[in-house]
Each structure stands twice: as structure tokens, then as C-alpha cells.
C-alpha atoms as a PDB file:
ATOM      1  CA  UNK A   1     132.563 233.771  64.987  1.00  0.00           C
ATOM      2  CA  UNK A   2     134.663 235.967  62.492  1.00  0.00           C
ATOM      3  CA  UNK A   3     138.739 235.156  62.227  1.00  0.00           C
ATOM      4  CA  UNK A   4     140.633 238.255  64.570  1.00  0.00           C
ATOM      5  CA  UNK A   5     140.717 240.584  63.010  1.00  0.00           C
ATOM      6  CA  UNK A   6     144.708 242.063  61.705  1.00  0.00           C
ATOM      7  CA  UNK A   7     146.279 244.956  64.133  1.00  0.00           C
ATOM      8  CA  UNK A   8     146.771 248.268  62.970  1.00  0.00           C
ATOM      9  CA  UNK A   9     148.219 250.824  64.194  1.00  0.00           C
ATOM     10  CA  UNK A  10     145.347 253.757  64.100  1.00  0.00           C
ATOM     11  CA  UNK A  11     148.052 255.770  64.287  1.00  0.00           C
ATOM     12  CA  UNK A  12     150.582 254.436  61.454  1.00  0.00           C
ATOM     13  CA  UNK A  13     146.835 255.744  59.237  1.00  0.00           C
ATOM     14  CA  UNK A  14     146.574 258.745  61.374  1.00  0.00           C
ATOM     15  CA  UNK A  15     150.057 258.921  60.231  1.00  0.00           C
ATOM     16  CA  UNK A  16     149.456 258.095  56.736  1.00  0.00           C
ATOM     17  CA  UNK A  17     146.843 260.931  55.918  1.00  0.00           C
ATOM     18  CA  UNK A  18     148.762 263.752  55.276  1.00  0.00           C
ATOM     19  CA  UNK A  19     149.845 263.113  51.907  1.00  0.00           C
ATOM     20  CA  UNK A  20     153.117 264.884  51.724  1.00  0.00           C
ATOM     21  CA  UNK A  21     153.728 262.149  54.570  1.00  0.00           C
ATOM     22  CA  UNK A  22     152.232 259.718  52.013  1.00  0.00           C
ATOM     23  CA  UNK A  23     154.908 260.839  48.620  1.00  0.00           C
ATOM     24  CA  UNK A  24     157.648 260.349  51.116  1.00  0.00           C
ATOM     25  CA  UNK A  25     156.330 257.027  51.844  1.00  0.00           C
ATOM     26  CA  UNK A  26     155.793 256.116  48.363  1.00  0.00           C
ATOM     27  CA  UNK A  27     160.094 257.745  47.571  1.00  0.00           C
ATOM     28  CA  UNK A  28     161.585 255.689  50.839  1.00  0.00           C
ATOM     29  CA  UNK A  29     159.994 252.863  48.898  1.00  0.00           C
ATOM     30  CA  UNK A  30     162.346 252.828  45.926  1.00  0.00           C
ATOM     31  CA  UNK A  31     165.253 252.939  48.761  1.00  0.00           C
ATOM     32  CA  UNK A  32     167.052 254.838  51.583  1.00  0.00           C
ATOM     33  CA  UNK A  33     167.161 259.127  50.971  1.00  0.00           C
ATOM     34  CA  UNK A  34     168.155 262.108  53.190  1.00  0.00           C
ATOM     35  CA  UNK A  35     166.334 264.188  54.654  1.00  0.00           C
ATOM     36  CA  UNK A  36     167.734 266.924  52.199  1.00  0.00           C
ATOM     37  CA  UNK A  37     167.503 264.641  48.696  1.00  0.00           C
ATOM     38  CA  UNK A  38     163.544 263.794  50.153  1.00  0.00           C
ATOM     39  CA  UNK A  39     163.204 267.777  50.021  1.00  0.00           C
ATOM     40  CA  UNK A  40     164.964 268.586  46.581  1.00  0.00           C
ATOM     41  CA  UNK A  41     162.660 265.586  44.968  1.00  0.00           C
ATOM     42  CA  UNK A  42     159.557 266.963  46.825  1.00  0.00           C
ATOM     43  CA  UNK A  43     160.092 271.183  46.009  1.00  0.00           C
ATOM     44  CA  UNK A  44     159.890 271.190  49.857  1.00  0.00           C
ATOM     45  CA  UNK A  45     162.219 273.330  52.443  1.00  0.00           C
ATOM     46  CA  UNK A  46     164.252 270.669  54.497  1.00  0.00           C
ATOM     47  CA  UNK A  47     162.840 272.003  57.607  1.00  0.00           C
ATOM     48  CA  UNK A  48     159.003 271.478  56.489  1.00  0.00           C
ATOM     49  CA  UNK A  49     160.725 268.195  55.555  1.00  0.00           C
ATOM     50  CA  UNK A  50     161.818 266.988  58.850  1.00  0.00           C
ATOM     51  CA  UNK A  51     158.887 268.059  60.699  1.00  0.00           C
ATOM     52  CA  UNK A  52     157.058 265.968  58.037  1.00  0.00           C
ATOM     53  CA  UNK A  53     160.003 262.620  58.408  1.00  0.00           C
ATOM     54  CA  UNK A  54     159.925 263.348  62.178  1.00  0.00           C
ATOM     55  CA  UNK A  55     156.053 262.089  62.782  1.00  0.00           C
ATOM     56  CA  UNK A  56     156.824 258.996  60.595  1.00  0.00           C
ATOM     57  CA  UNK A  57     159.573 258.824  63.186  1.00  0.00           C
ATOM     58  CA  UNK A  58     157.262 258.639  65.411  1.00  0.00           C
ATOM     59  CA  UNK A  59     154.669 256.920  64.880  1.00  0.00           C
ATOM     60  CA  UNK A  60     157.959 253.759  63.297  1.00  0.00           C
ATOM     61  CA  UNK A  61     156.780 253.735  59.598  1.00  0.00           C
ATOM     62  CA  UNK A  62     160.219 254.933  59.354  1.00  0.00           C
ATOM     63  CA  UNK A  63     164.673 254.584  60.560  1.00  0.00           C
ATOM     64  CA  UNK A  64     166.553 257.179  59.778  1.00  0.00           C
ATOM     65  CA  UNK A  65     170.052 256.495  60.106  1.00  0.00           C
ATOM     66  CA  UNK A  66     172.872 260.041  61.121  1.00  0.00           C
ATOM     67  CA  UNK A  67     176.080 258.899  58.710  1.00  0.00           C
ATOM     68  CA  UNK A  68     178.259 262.042  59.953  1.00  0.00           C
ATOM     69  CA  UNK A  69     176.124 264.683  59.515  1.00  0.00           C
ATOM     70  CA  UNK A  70     173.737 263.408  57.195  1.00  0.00           C
ATOM     71  CA  UNK A  71     170.328 261.460  58.758  1.00  0.00           C
ATOM     72  CA  UNK A  72     169.642 258.506  56.234  1.00  0.00           C
ATOM     73  CA  UNK A  73     166.026 257.795  56.165  1.00  0.00           C
ATOM     74  CA  UNK A  74     163.962 253.581  55.397  1.00  0.00           C
ATOM     75  CA  UNK A  75     160.969 252.692  55.973  1.00  0.00           C
ATOM     76  CA  UNK A  76     160.427 250.374  58.414  1.00  0.00           C
ATOM     77  CA  UNK A  77     158.250 247.221  56.507  1.00  0.00           C
ATOM     78  CA  UNK A  78     156.364 246.763  59.538  1.00  0.00           C
ATOM     79  CA  UNK A  79     153.605 249.023  59.639  1.00  0.00           C
ATOM     80  CA  UNK A  80     153.212 247.486  56.118  1.00  0.00           C
ATOM     81  CA  UNK A  81     153.006 243.994  56.644  1.00  0.00           C
ATOM     82  CA  UNK A  82     150.355 244.731  58.721  1.00  0.00           C
ATOM     83  CA  UNK A  83     148.101 247.397  56.917  1.00  0.00           C
ATOM     84  CA  UNK A  84     148.132 244.366  54.734  1.00  0.00           C
ATOM     85  CA  UNK A  85     147.316 241.835  56.950  1.00  0.00           C
ATOM     86  CA  UNK A  86     144.470 244.207  57.597  1.00  0.00           C
ATOM     87  CA  UNK A  87     143.897 244.936  53.873  1.00  0.00           C
ATOM     88  CA  UNK A  88     143.196 241.116  53.463  1.00  0.00           C
ATOM     89  CA  UNK A  89     141.433 240.634  55.830  1.00  0.00           C
ATOM     90  CA  UNK A  90     139.187 242.892  53.735  1.00  0.00           C
ATOM     91  CA  UNK A  91     139.486 240.579  50.720  1.00  0.00           C
ATOM     92  CA  UNK A  92     138.779 237.511  52.669  1.00  0.00           C
ATOM     93  CA  UNK A  93     135.032 239.190  53.664  1.00  0.00           C
ATOM     94  CA  UNK A  94     134.428 240.665  49.830  1.00  0.00           C
ATOM     95  CA  UNK A  95     135.704 237.483  48.474  1.00  0.00           C
ATOM     96  CA  UNK A  96     132.753 235.131  50.416  1.00  0.00           C
ATOM     97  CA  UNK A  97     130.704 237.965  50.111  1.00  0.00           C
ATOM     98  CA  UNK A  98     131.011 237.477  46.226  1.00  0.00           C
ATOM     99  CA  UNK A  99     131.023 233.424  46.109  1.00  0.00           C
ATOM    100  CA  UNK A 100     127.822 233.988  48.172  1.00  0.00           C
ATOM    101  CA  UNK A 101     126.278 236.203  45.752  1.00  0.00           C
ATOM    102  CA  UNK A 102     127.325 233.384  42.940  1.00  0.00           C
ATOM    103  CA  UNK A 103     125.872 230.243  44.792  1.00  0.00           C
ATOM    104  CA  UNK A 104     122.529 232.818  45.109  1.00  0.00           C
ATOM    105  CA  UNK A 105     122.245 233.784  42.265  1.00  0.00           C
ATOM    106  CA  UNK A 106     122.826 230.035  40.695  1.00  0.00           C
ATOM    107  CA  UNK A 107     120.099 228.825  42.705  1.00  0.00           C
ATOM    108  CA  UNK A 108     117.731 231.366  41.187  1.00  0.00           C
ATOM    109  CA  UNK A 109     118.520 230.125  37.909  1.00  0.00           C
ATOM    110  CA  UNK A 110     118.232 226.328  38.679  1.00  0.00           C
ATOM    111  CA  UNK A 111     114.563 227.147  39.758  1.00  0.00           C
ATOM    112  CA  UNK A 112     113.493 228.455  36.448  1.00  0.00           C
END
């Protein structure tokens, strides 16, 4: 029986499938930013940026903090931990497969 596959929220993957949202996540990796800072950095209009941030917020990829009339966005760690665990499960499978291939090749070489 194989080990349990880590839970990955498909809505997280769906939300991250849009290139602009990936660019926003890349910006936020370096630290919190306001909507205006994100829009300026990506050359987007603020309403367009807000729409993408709403999708990221609704899918719990970012969190927002209101400070006076500014909205500051930062990444939430949980969805990225889950994605990392999911990717790691593939690494283990691939390592096992390569180990099996290596063992098989050694068996073939020893028979020659």
C-alpha cells in the first residue's frame, strides 16, 4: 500500500494557474505590498490588480490587512507548505523508481 498523498487544494492550483496571479505571488514572496505597489510593479491598472488579489484572497493564498485607506497583502504559508509536500511526494516516487532502475541495471551488468 502506498503512503498517503498530501492534501492539495485544487482551488489553490486553479487560482495559481493564471500568469498574472503567479506574478503577484512572486512579488509577494519578497514581502507585503499594497495594491498600488503591486499594480505599479506589474504595469497593471489597480482595479485589475484588485480583481486578481480577490481571487488569491478568496482561495486563502494571500491575506490582507487594512491600514488606514491602504490594503496590504502578504502570502499565507499554508497553501505553499501543502504544495511543497505534494511535490515532495513525487520526488520520493521518482527516487524509488530511479533506485529500482539502478538496481536492475546492476543486475544486468553482473550477468554479462
